[in-house]
N, C-alpha and C. Protein backbone atom coordinates (compact mmCIF):
# COMPACT_ATOMS: atom_id res chain seq x y z
N MET A 1 -28.73 -14.91 33.38
CA MET A 1 -28.65 -13.53 33.85
C MET A 1 -28.48 -12.60 32.64
N LEU A 2 -29.27 -11.56 32.60
CA LEU A 2 -29.14 -10.57 31.53
C LEU A 2 -27.82 -9.82 31.64
N VAL A 3 -27.23 -9.55 30.49
CA VAL A 3 -25.99 -8.78 30.45
C VAL A 3 -26.34 -7.33 30.10
N PRO A 4 -26.00 -6.39 30.98
CA PRO A 4 -26.25 -4.99 30.66
C PRO A 4 -25.24 -4.47 29.63
N ILE A 5 -25.77 -3.77 28.63
CA ILE A 5 -24.94 -3.09 27.63
C ILE A 5 -25.27 -1.61 27.81
N PHE A 6 -24.24 -0.80 27.98
CA PHE A 6 -24.42 0.61 28.27
C PHE A 6 -23.97 1.49 27.11
N ASP A 7 -24.72 2.55 26.88
CA ASP A 7 -24.21 3.69 26.13
C ASP A 7 -23.14 4.31 27.02
N LEU A 8 -22.26 5.12 26.47
CA LEU A 8 -21.19 5.70 27.29
C LEU A 8 -21.52 7.13 27.71
N ASP A 9 -21.53 8.06 26.76
CA ASP A 9 -21.80 9.47 27.07
C ASP A 9 -23.26 9.64 27.46
N GLY A 10 -23.50 10.25 28.61
CA GLY A 10 -24.85 10.50 29.07
C GLY A 10 -25.46 9.33 29.81
N THR A 11 -24.76 8.21 29.87
CA THR A 11 -25.26 7.04 30.57
C THR A 11 -24.28 6.62 31.66
N LEU A 12 -23.08 6.25 31.28
CA LEU A 12 -22.04 5.95 32.27
C LEU A 12 -21.29 7.22 32.66
N LEU A 13 -21.06 8.07 31.66
CA LEU A 13 -20.26 9.28 31.88
C LEU A 13 -21.07 10.55 31.71
N ASP A 14 -20.87 11.46 32.64
CA ASP A 14 -21.39 12.81 32.48
C ASP A 14 -20.32 13.56 31.69
N SER A 15 -20.44 13.49 30.38
CA SER A 15 -19.38 13.99 29.50
C SER A 15 -19.77 15.24 28.72
N ASP A 16 -20.90 15.84 29.05
CA ASP A 16 -21.33 17.04 28.32
C ASP A 16 -20.23 18.10 28.30
N ARG A 17 -19.63 18.36 29.45
CA ARG A 17 -18.58 19.39 29.53
C ARG A 17 -17.41 19.06 28.62
N ALA A 18 -16.99 17.80 28.61
CA ALA A 18 -15.86 17.38 27.77
C ALA A 18 -16.20 17.50 26.29
N LEU A 19 -17.41 17.07 25.92
CA LEU A 19 -17.82 17.13 24.52
C LEU A 19 -17.88 18.58 24.02
N VAL A 20 -18.50 19.42 24.81
CA VAL A 20 -18.65 20.83 24.41
C VAL A 20 -17.29 21.54 24.42
N ALA A 21 -16.45 21.24 25.39
CA ALA A 21 -15.14 21.91 25.48
C ALA A 21 -14.30 21.65 24.24
N ALA A 22 -14.35 20.42 23.71
CA ALA A 22 -13.58 20.11 22.50
C ALA A 22 -14.08 20.94 21.32
N PHE A 23 -15.39 21.03 21.16
CA PHE A 23 -15.94 21.85 20.07
C PHE A 23 -15.60 23.32 20.28
N ALA A 24 -15.73 23.80 21.51
CA ALA A 24 -15.45 25.21 21.80
C ALA A 24 -13.98 25.54 21.52
N ALA A 25 -13.09 24.60 21.83
CA ALA A 25 -11.66 24.81 21.57
C ALA A 25 -11.39 24.98 20.07
N LEU A 26 -12.30 24.46 19.26
CA LEU A 26 -12.16 24.57 17.80
C LEU A 26 -12.99 25.72 17.24
N GLY A 27 -13.49 26.58 18.12
CA GLY A 27 -14.21 27.78 17.69
C GLY A 27 -15.70 27.60 17.48
N VAL A 28 -16.26 26.48 17.88
CA VAL A 28 -17.70 26.23 17.73
C VAL A 28 -18.42 26.84 18.93
N PRO A 29 -19.43 27.67 18.71
CA PRO A 29 -20.19 28.20 19.85
C PRO A 29 -20.85 27.06 20.64
N PRO A 30 -20.64 27.01 21.94
CA PRO A 30 -21.15 25.89 22.75
C PRO A 30 -22.65 25.65 22.60
N GLU A 31 -23.42 26.69 22.41
CA GLU A 31 -24.88 26.52 22.33
C GLU A 31 -25.32 25.83 21.04
N THR A 32 -24.42 25.66 20.07
CA THR A 32 -24.78 24.99 18.82
C THR A 32 -24.52 23.49 18.85
N VAL A 33 -23.85 23.01 19.90
CA VAL A 33 -23.52 21.59 20.03
C VAL A 33 -24.76 20.82 20.48
N THR A 34 -25.02 19.69 19.82
CA THR A 34 -26.10 18.81 20.23
C THR A 34 -25.52 17.45 20.58
N PHE A 35 -26.32 16.61 21.21
CA PHE A 35 -25.82 15.36 21.77
C PHE A 35 -26.55 14.15 21.21
N GLY A 36 -25.93 12.97 21.35
CA GLY A 36 -26.57 11.71 21.03
C GLY A 36 -26.40 11.24 19.60
N HIS A 37 -25.44 11.80 18.85
CA HIS A 37 -25.25 11.41 17.45
C HIS A 37 -23.91 10.71 17.26
N VAL A 38 -23.73 10.19 16.06
CA VAL A 38 -22.40 9.72 15.66
C VAL A 38 -21.51 10.96 15.64
N ILE A 39 -20.37 10.89 16.30
CA ILE A 39 -19.53 12.08 16.46
C ILE A 39 -19.08 12.65 15.11
N GLY A 40 -18.81 11.80 14.15
CA GLY A 40 -18.41 12.28 12.82
C GLY A 40 -19.50 13.12 12.17
N GLU A 41 -20.76 12.73 12.38
CA GLU A 41 -21.88 13.50 11.82
C GLU A 41 -22.00 14.86 12.49
N GLU A 42 -21.80 14.90 13.80
CA GLU A 42 -21.86 16.20 14.50
C GLU A 42 -20.70 17.09 14.07
N CYS A 43 -19.52 16.52 13.91
CA CYS A 43 -18.38 17.31 13.42
C CYS A 43 -18.68 17.86 12.03
N GLN A 44 -19.22 17.03 11.16
CA GLN A 44 -19.55 17.47 9.81
C GLN A 44 -20.60 18.59 9.86
N ARG A 45 -21.62 18.41 10.69
CA ARG A 45 -22.67 19.42 10.81
C ARG A 45 -22.10 20.76 11.28
N LEU A 46 -21.10 20.69 12.16
CA LEU A 46 -20.52 21.91 12.72
C LEU A 46 -19.32 22.41 11.92
N GLY A 47 -18.94 21.70 10.85
CA GLY A 47 -17.89 22.18 9.97
C GLY A 47 -16.48 22.02 10.47
N ILE A 48 -16.24 20.97 11.25
CA ILE A 48 -14.86 20.70 11.70
C ILE A 48 -14.51 19.26 11.38
N SER A 49 -13.22 18.97 11.38
CA SER A 49 -12.80 17.60 11.07
C SER A 49 -12.85 16.74 12.33
N LEU A 50 -13.14 15.46 12.13
CA LEU A 50 -13.16 14.51 13.23
C LEU A 50 -11.79 14.41 13.88
N ASP A 51 -10.73 14.45 13.09
CA ASP A 51 -9.37 14.37 13.64
C ASP A 51 -9.08 15.56 14.54
N ASP A 52 -9.50 16.76 14.12
CA ASP A 52 -9.29 17.94 14.97
C ASP A 52 -10.08 17.82 16.26
N TYR A 53 -11.32 17.34 16.14
CA TYR A 53 -12.15 17.17 17.34
C TYR A 53 -11.48 16.17 18.29
N ALA A 54 -11.05 15.03 17.76
CA ALA A 54 -10.43 14.00 18.60
C ALA A 54 -9.19 14.54 19.30
N ALA A 55 -8.41 15.37 18.60
CA ALA A 55 -7.20 15.94 19.20
C ALA A 55 -7.55 16.94 20.31
N ALA A 56 -8.68 17.63 20.18
CA ALA A 56 -9.08 18.64 21.16
C ALA A 56 -9.82 18.04 22.36
N TYR A 57 -10.30 16.81 22.23
CA TYR A 57 -11.10 16.19 23.29
C TYR A 57 -10.22 15.81 24.47
N ASP A 58 -10.61 16.21 25.68
CA ASP A 58 -9.88 15.89 26.90
C ASP A 58 -10.69 14.89 27.71
N PRO A 59 -10.32 13.61 27.68
CA PRO A 59 -11.11 12.60 28.39
C PRO A 59 -11.15 12.82 29.90
N ALA A 60 -10.21 13.57 30.44
CA ALA A 60 -10.19 13.82 31.88
C ALA A 60 -11.36 14.68 32.33
N LEU A 61 -12.03 15.37 31.39
CA LEU A 61 -13.16 16.22 31.75
C LEU A 61 -14.46 15.43 31.93
N ALA A 62 -14.49 14.19 31.50
CA ALA A 62 -15.69 13.36 31.64
C ALA A 62 -15.60 12.57 32.94
N ALA A 63 -16.68 12.61 33.71
CA ALA A 63 -16.69 11.92 35.00
C ALA A 63 -17.85 10.94 35.07
N PRO A 64 -17.66 9.82 35.76
CA PRO A 64 -18.78 8.90 35.93
C PRO A 64 -19.90 9.56 36.74
N TYR A 65 -21.13 9.23 36.39
CA TYR A 65 -22.24 9.68 37.22
C TYR A 65 -22.10 9.04 38.60
N PRO A 66 -22.58 9.71 39.65
CA PRO A 66 -22.52 9.10 40.99
C PRO A 66 -23.19 7.72 40.99
N GLY A 67 -22.49 6.74 41.55
CA GLY A 67 -23.01 5.38 41.65
C GLY A 67 -22.58 4.45 40.52
N ILE A 68 -22.01 4.99 39.45
CA ILE A 68 -21.62 4.15 38.31
C ILE A 68 -20.47 3.22 38.67
N ASP A 69 -19.45 3.73 39.34
CA ASP A 69 -18.31 2.87 39.71
C ASP A 69 -18.78 1.68 40.54
N GLU A 70 -19.66 1.94 41.50
CA GLU A 70 -20.17 0.87 42.36
C GLU A 70 -21.00 -0.13 41.54
N LEU A 71 -21.82 0.39 40.62
CA LEU A 71 -22.62 -0.49 39.77
C LEU A 71 -21.73 -1.41 38.94
N LEU A 72 -20.77 -0.84 38.25
CA LEU A 72 -19.91 -1.64 37.39
C LEU A 72 -19.09 -2.65 38.20
N GLY A 73 -18.68 -2.25 39.40
CA GLY A 73 -17.94 -3.16 40.27
C GLY A 73 -18.77 -4.35 40.72
N ALA A 74 -20.09 -4.20 40.74
CA ALA A 74 -20.97 -5.28 41.19
C ALA A 74 -21.39 -6.20 40.05
N LEU A 75 -21.14 -5.80 38.80
CA LEU A 75 -21.55 -6.60 37.66
C LEU A 75 -20.47 -7.60 37.27
N HIS A 76 -20.89 -8.82 37.01
CA HIS A 76 -19.94 -9.86 36.57
C HIS A 76 -19.55 -9.64 35.11
N ARG A 77 -20.53 -9.22 34.31
CA ARG A 77 -20.32 -9.07 32.87
C ARG A 77 -21.13 -7.88 32.38
N TRP A 78 -20.51 -7.03 31.57
CA TRP A 78 -21.20 -5.88 31.01
C TRP A 78 -20.46 -5.42 29.76
N ALA A 79 -21.11 -4.57 28.97
CA ALA A 79 -20.51 -4.12 27.71
C ALA A 79 -20.88 -2.66 27.45
N VAL A 80 -20.19 -2.10 26.45
CA VAL A 80 -20.44 -0.72 26.03
C VAL A 80 -20.72 -0.72 24.52
N CYS A 81 -21.72 0.07 24.12
CA CYS A 81 -22.04 0.29 22.71
C CYS A 81 -22.32 1.78 22.57
N SER A 82 -21.42 2.50 21.89
CA SER A 82 -21.48 3.96 21.88
C SER A 82 -21.11 4.53 20.51
N ASN A 83 -21.67 5.69 20.22
CA ASN A 83 -21.30 6.45 19.02
C ASN A 83 -20.03 7.26 19.23
N LYS A 84 -19.42 7.17 20.38
CA LYS A 84 -18.23 7.95 20.70
C LYS A 84 -17.03 7.50 19.87
N HIS A 85 -16.14 8.43 19.58
CA HIS A 85 -14.90 8.15 18.88
C HIS A 85 -14.08 7.17 19.74
N ALA A 86 -13.58 6.11 19.13
CA ALA A 86 -12.92 5.04 19.86
C ALA A 86 -11.71 5.51 20.66
N GLY A 87 -10.91 6.41 20.12
CA GLY A 87 -9.71 6.86 20.82
C GLY A 87 -10.03 7.48 22.17
N SER A 88 -10.96 8.42 22.18
CA SER A 88 -11.30 9.09 23.44
C SER A 88 -12.08 8.13 24.35
N ALA A 89 -12.91 7.28 23.79
CA ALA A 89 -13.68 6.34 24.60
C ALA A 89 -12.75 5.36 25.32
N ARG A 90 -11.80 4.81 24.59
CA ARG A 90 -10.88 3.85 25.21
C ARG A 90 -9.99 4.54 26.26
N ALA A 91 -9.62 5.80 26.00
CA ALA A 91 -8.83 6.55 26.98
C ALA A 91 -9.64 6.74 28.27
N GLU A 92 -10.93 6.99 28.12
CA GLU A 92 -11.77 7.14 29.32
C GLU A 92 -11.90 5.81 30.07
N LEU A 93 -12.15 4.72 29.34
CA LEU A 93 -12.24 3.42 29.99
C LEU A 93 -10.95 3.09 30.74
N ASP A 94 -9.81 3.33 30.09
CA ASP A 94 -8.51 3.05 30.72
C ASP A 94 -8.30 3.93 31.96
N ARG A 95 -8.58 5.22 31.82
CA ARG A 95 -8.38 6.15 32.94
C ARG A 95 -9.21 5.75 34.15
N LEU A 96 -10.42 5.25 33.91
CA LEU A 96 -11.32 4.89 35.00
C LEU A 96 -11.13 3.45 35.49
N GLY A 97 -10.28 2.68 34.78
CA GLY A 97 -10.03 1.30 35.17
C GLY A 97 -11.22 0.39 34.89
N TRP A 98 -12.04 0.76 33.92
CA TRP A 98 -13.22 -0.04 33.57
C TRP A 98 -12.85 -1.05 32.50
N SER A 99 -13.29 -2.29 32.67
CA SER A 99 -12.97 -3.36 31.73
C SER A 99 -14.24 -4.09 31.30
N PRO A 100 -14.97 -3.52 30.36
CA PRO A 100 -16.17 -4.22 29.88
C PRO A 100 -15.79 -5.50 29.15
N SER A 101 -16.73 -6.42 29.10
CA SER A 101 -16.53 -7.68 28.37
C SER A 101 -16.43 -7.44 26.87
N ALA A 102 -17.06 -6.37 26.39
CA ALA A 102 -16.99 -5.95 24.99
C ALA A 102 -17.22 -4.45 24.96
N ALA A 103 -16.57 -3.78 24.01
CA ALA A 103 -16.75 -2.33 23.86
C ALA A 103 -16.69 -1.99 22.38
N PHE A 104 -17.75 -1.39 21.87
CA PHE A 104 -17.86 -1.02 20.46
C PHE A 104 -18.13 0.48 20.37
N PHE A 105 -17.41 1.13 19.42
CA PHE A 105 -17.50 2.58 19.27
C PHE A 105 -17.74 2.95 17.81
N SER A 106 -17.83 4.23 17.54
CA SER A 106 -18.28 4.71 16.22
C SER A 106 -17.53 4.06 15.06
N GLU A 107 -16.25 3.84 15.18
CA GLU A 107 -15.47 3.26 14.09
C GLU A 107 -15.83 1.78 13.83
N ASP A 108 -16.52 1.17 14.79
CA ASP A 108 -16.88 -0.24 14.64
C ASP A 108 -18.16 -0.46 13.85
N PHE A 109 -18.83 0.63 13.48
CA PHE A 109 -20.10 0.57 12.76
C PHE A 109 -19.99 1.37 11.47
N SER A 110 -20.74 0.98 10.49
CA SER A 110 -20.86 1.83 9.29
C SER A 110 -22.17 2.59 9.47
N GLY A 111 -22.06 3.75 10.12
CA GLY A 111 -23.23 4.55 10.47
C GLY A 111 -23.42 4.53 11.97
N PRO A 112 -24.65 4.78 12.42
CA PRO A 112 -24.91 4.81 13.86
C PRO A 112 -24.66 3.45 14.51
N LYS A 113 -24.44 3.50 15.81
CA LYS A 113 -24.17 2.26 16.57
C LYS A 113 -25.30 1.26 16.40
N ARG A 114 -24.91 -0.01 16.54
CA ARG A 114 -25.86 -1.13 16.45
C ARG A 114 -25.49 -2.16 17.50
N LEU A 115 -26.48 -2.77 18.08
CA LEU A 115 -26.23 -3.75 19.12
C LEU A 115 -25.88 -5.14 18.59
N ALA A 116 -26.25 -5.46 17.35
CA ALA A 116 -26.01 -6.80 16.82
C ALA A 116 -24.54 -7.24 16.95
N PRO A 117 -23.55 -6.41 16.58
CA PRO A 117 -22.15 -6.86 16.74
C PRO A 117 -21.75 -7.07 18.20
N VAL A 118 -22.34 -6.28 19.10
CA VAL A 118 -22.03 -6.44 20.52
C VAL A 118 -22.61 -7.76 21.02
N LEU A 119 -23.85 -8.04 20.63
CA LEU A 119 -24.46 -9.31 21.01
C LEU A 119 -23.64 -10.49 20.51
N ARG A 120 -23.17 -10.42 19.25
CA ARG A 120 -22.34 -11.50 18.70
C ARG A 120 -21.06 -11.66 19.51
N ALA A 121 -20.42 -10.54 19.84
CA ALA A 121 -19.16 -10.61 20.60
C ALA A 121 -19.39 -11.22 21.99
N LEU A 122 -20.56 -10.99 22.55
CA LEU A 122 -20.88 -11.53 23.87
C LEU A 122 -21.46 -12.95 23.80
N GLY A 123 -21.77 -13.41 22.59
CA GLY A 123 -22.39 -14.72 22.42
C GLY A 123 -23.81 -14.77 22.95
N LEU A 124 -24.56 -13.68 22.76
CA LEU A 124 -25.92 -13.57 23.29
C LEU A 124 -26.95 -13.42 22.19
N ASP A 125 -28.15 -13.88 22.47
CA ASP A 125 -29.27 -13.52 21.61
C ASP A 125 -29.90 -12.26 22.22
N PRO A 126 -30.81 -11.58 21.53
CA PRO A 126 -31.37 -10.33 22.05
C PRO A 126 -32.02 -10.45 23.43
N GLY A 127 -32.58 -11.60 23.75
CA GLY A 127 -33.20 -11.79 25.06
C GLY A 127 -32.21 -11.92 26.20
N GLY A 128 -30.92 -12.02 25.90
CA GLY A 128 -29.90 -12.17 26.93
C GLY A 128 -29.25 -10.87 27.36
N ALA A 129 -29.76 -9.74 26.83
CA ALA A 129 -29.13 -8.45 27.14
C ALA A 129 -30.20 -7.39 27.43
N ILE A 130 -29.75 -6.33 28.02
CA ILE A 130 -30.56 -5.14 28.24
C ILE A 130 -29.68 -3.94 27.90
N TYR A 131 -30.25 -2.95 27.20
CA TYR A 131 -29.47 -1.77 26.81
C TYR A 131 -29.90 -0.59 27.66
N ILE A 132 -28.94 0.10 28.24
CA ILE A 132 -29.19 1.25 29.09
C ILE A 132 -28.65 2.47 28.38
N GLY A 133 -29.51 3.46 28.14
CA GLY A 133 -29.11 4.65 27.41
C GLY A 133 -29.89 5.88 27.82
N ASP A 134 -29.66 6.97 27.08
CA ASP A 134 -30.26 8.25 27.46
C ASP A 134 -30.91 9.01 26.31
N THR A 135 -30.89 8.48 25.10
CA THR A 135 -31.42 9.23 23.96
C THR A 135 -32.43 8.40 23.16
N GLY A 136 -33.16 9.08 22.31
CA GLY A 136 -34.06 8.40 21.40
C GLY A 136 -33.31 7.45 20.49
N HIS A 137 -32.08 7.84 20.12
CA HIS A 137 -31.28 6.94 19.28
C HIS A 137 -30.95 5.65 20.03
N ASP A 138 -30.68 5.76 21.33
CA ASP A 138 -30.41 4.55 22.12
C ASP A 138 -31.64 3.65 22.13
N ARG A 139 -32.82 4.25 22.32
CA ARG A 139 -34.07 3.49 22.32
C ARG A 139 -34.24 2.76 20.99
N ALA A 140 -34.02 3.49 19.88
CA ALA A 140 -34.16 2.91 18.54
C ALA A 140 -33.13 1.80 18.31
N CYS A 141 -31.93 1.99 18.80
CA CYS A 141 -30.87 0.99 18.67
C CYS A 141 -31.29 -0.31 19.35
N ALA A 142 -31.84 -0.20 20.56
CA ALA A 142 -32.31 -1.38 21.28
C ALA A 142 -33.47 -2.04 20.55
N ALA A 143 -34.42 -1.24 20.09
CA ALA A 143 -35.60 -1.79 19.39
C ALA A 143 -35.19 -2.52 18.12
N GLU A 144 -34.26 -1.94 17.37
CA GLU A 144 -33.79 -2.57 16.13
C GLU A 144 -33.22 -3.96 16.39
N ALA A 145 -32.55 -4.11 17.53
CA ALA A 145 -31.91 -5.39 17.86
C ALA A 145 -32.83 -6.32 18.64
N GLY A 146 -34.00 -5.83 19.05
CA GLY A 146 -34.90 -6.65 19.85
C GLY A 146 -34.45 -6.82 21.28
N VAL A 147 -33.71 -5.82 21.78
CA VAL A 147 -33.16 -5.86 23.14
C VAL A 147 -34.00 -4.93 24.04
N ALA A 148 -34.25 -5.36 25.25
CA ALA A 148 -34.97 -4.52 26.22
C ALA A 148 -34.18 -3.23 26.46
N TYR A 149 -34.91 -2.14 26.71
CA TYR A 149 -34.28 -0.82 26.88
C TYR A 149 -34.70 -0.21 28.21
N VAL A 150 -33.73 0.41 28.87
CA VAL A 150 -33.96 1.13 30.12
C VAL A 150 -33.32 2.50 30.00
N VAL A 151 -34.02 3.52 30.48
CA VAL A 151 -33.53 4.90 30.43
C VAL A 151 -32.65 5.19 31.65
N ALA A 152 -31.48 5.76 31.39
CA ALA A 152 -30.56 6.18 32.44
C ALA A 152 -31.07 7.51 33.01
N GLY A 153 -32.09 7.44 33.85
CA GLY A 153 -32.73 8.64 34.38
C GLY A 153 -31.88 9.44 35.34
N TRP A 154 -30.71 8.93 35.70
CA TRP A 154 -29.78 9.71 36.53
C TRP A 154 -29.19 10.87 35.73
N ASN A 155 -29.30 10.80 34.41
CA ASN A 155 -28.91 11.93 33.56
C ASN A 155 -30.15 12.81 33.42
N PRO A 156 -30.10 14.04 33.90
CA PRO A 156 -31.30 14.89 33.83
C PRO A 156 -31.72 15.22 32.39
N ARG A 157 -30.82 15.05 31.42
CA ARG A 157 -31.13 15.29 30.01
C ARG A 157 -31.70 14.06 29.31
N ALA A 158 -31.78 12.93 30.00
CA ALA A 158 -32.23 11.68 29.37
C ALA A 158 -33.64 11.84 28.79
N GLU A 159 -33.81 11.32 27.59
CA GLU A 159 -35.10 11.38 26.91
C GLU A 159 -35.99 10.25 27.41
N ARG A 160 -37.13 10.65 27.95
CA ARG A 160 -38.08 9.68 28.49
C ARG A 160 -39.37 9.73 27.71
N ARG A 161 -39.95 8.56 27.49
CA ARG A 161 -41.25 8.47 26.83
C ARG A 161 -42.20 7.67 27.70
N ARG A 162 -43.47 7.92 27.52
CA ARG A 162 -44.48 7.16 28.25
C ARG A 162 -44.24 5.67 28.00
N GLY A 163 -44.27 4.91 29.06
CA GLY A 163 -44.06 3.47 28.95
C GLY A 163 -42.62 3.03 29.16
N ASP A 164 -41.68 3.97 29.14
CA ASP A 164 -40.27 3.61 29.37
C ASP A 164 -40.06 3.16 30.81
N THR A 165 -39.13 2.24 30.98
CA THR A 165 -38.61 1.94 32.30
C THR A 165 -37.48 2.93 32.54
N VAL A 166 -37.61 3.73 33.60
CA VAL A 166 -36.62 4.75 33.92
C VAL A 166 -36.03 4.44 35.28
N LEU A 167 -34.72 4.36 35.33
CA LEU A 167 -34.02 4.18 36.60
C LEU A 167 -33.39 5.52 36.98
N PHE A 168 -33.53 5.92 38.25
CA PHE A 168 -33.07 7.23 38.66
C PHE A 168 -31.73 7.23 39.37
N HIS A 169 -31.21 6.05 39.66
CA HIS A 169 -29.86 5.91 40.23
C HIS A 169 -29.29 4.60 39.70
N PRO A 170 -28.00 4.58 39.39
CA PRO A 170 -27.41 3.34 38.85
C PRO A 170 -27.65 2.11 39.70
N SER A 171 -27.70 2.26 41.02
CA SER A 171 -27.91 1.10 41.90
C SER A 171 -29.25 0.42 41.64
N GLU A 172 -30.22 1.15 41.09
CA GLU A 172 -31.52 0.55 40.79
C GLU A 172 -31.40 -0.56 39.74
N LEU A 173 -30.39 -0.50 38.90
CA LEU A 173 -30.23 -1.54 37.88
C LEU A 173 -29.99 -2.90 38.54
N LEU A 174 -29.23 -2.92 39.63
CA LEU A 174 -28.96 -4.19 40.33
C LEU A 174 -30.24 -4.81 40.88
N LYS A 175 -31.18 -3.98 41.28
CA LYS A 175 -32.47 -4.47 41.77
C LYS A 175 -33.37 -4.87 40.61
N TYR A 176 -33.25 -4.16 39.49
CA TYR A 176 -34.11 -4.38 38.33
C TYR A 176 -33.74 -5.65 37.57
N LEU A 177 -32.46 -5.97 37.47
CA LEU A 177 -32.01 -7.14 36.72
C LEU A 177 -32.62 -8.45 37.21
N PRO A 178 -32.66 -8.71 38.54
CA PRO A 178 -33.28 -9.96 38.99
C PRO A 178 -34.77 -10.04 38.64
N ILE A 179 -35.47 -8.93 38.64
CA ILE A 179 -36.89 -8.92 38.28
C ILE A 179 -37.03 -9.36 36.83
N LEU A 180 -36.20 -8.83 35.95
CA LEU A 180 -36.26 -9.22 34.54
C LEU A 180 -35.87 -10.68 34.34
N ASN A 181 -34.93 -11.15 35.12
CA ASN A 181 -34.47 -12.53 34.96
C ASN A 181 -35.50 -13.56 35.44
N GLU A 182 -36.46 -13.12 36.25
CA GLU A 182 -37.51 -14.04 36.71
C GLU A 182 -38.51 -14.34 35.61
N HIS A 183 -38.60 -13.47 34.61
CA HIS A 183 -39.61 -13.65 33.54
C HIS A 183 -39.09 -14.50 32.42
């Protein structure tokens, strides 16, 4: 059975409001905030410290997309691979009662997130996992590791390209996984 590995922001969590609110609290105009990067790089681009951003971030403002709780409850094994700051990410996982088999965040990588350490932690080769994300960086992360990629189309901001497999509700992943496992 394939193990789903999820991006966090924009895939499991609708966290745009939380991300922007932290920057805005530090005086950054909301319209200048962009998404899908290593948080330290975005802080640097916007001229604020990562520590200040982490202190201003309110994990209670991020909510699961509809259907995510049910999806995760139905999965035997799953993981998270995200560019999110570990402190706020772990606070969100704890608050929501989510217990992935493995969870890797920005501090676990030297640079952008990579799936290889997650695969090692899960004891999987690339064919044993599928990565679900919402950005071009997520797509590239999966391709670099040789892992199948699916777009979290329940996020209206998700980047889609011709040829992508796009799921429009989290429950579709439960139907999609058996199809992939037959091949």
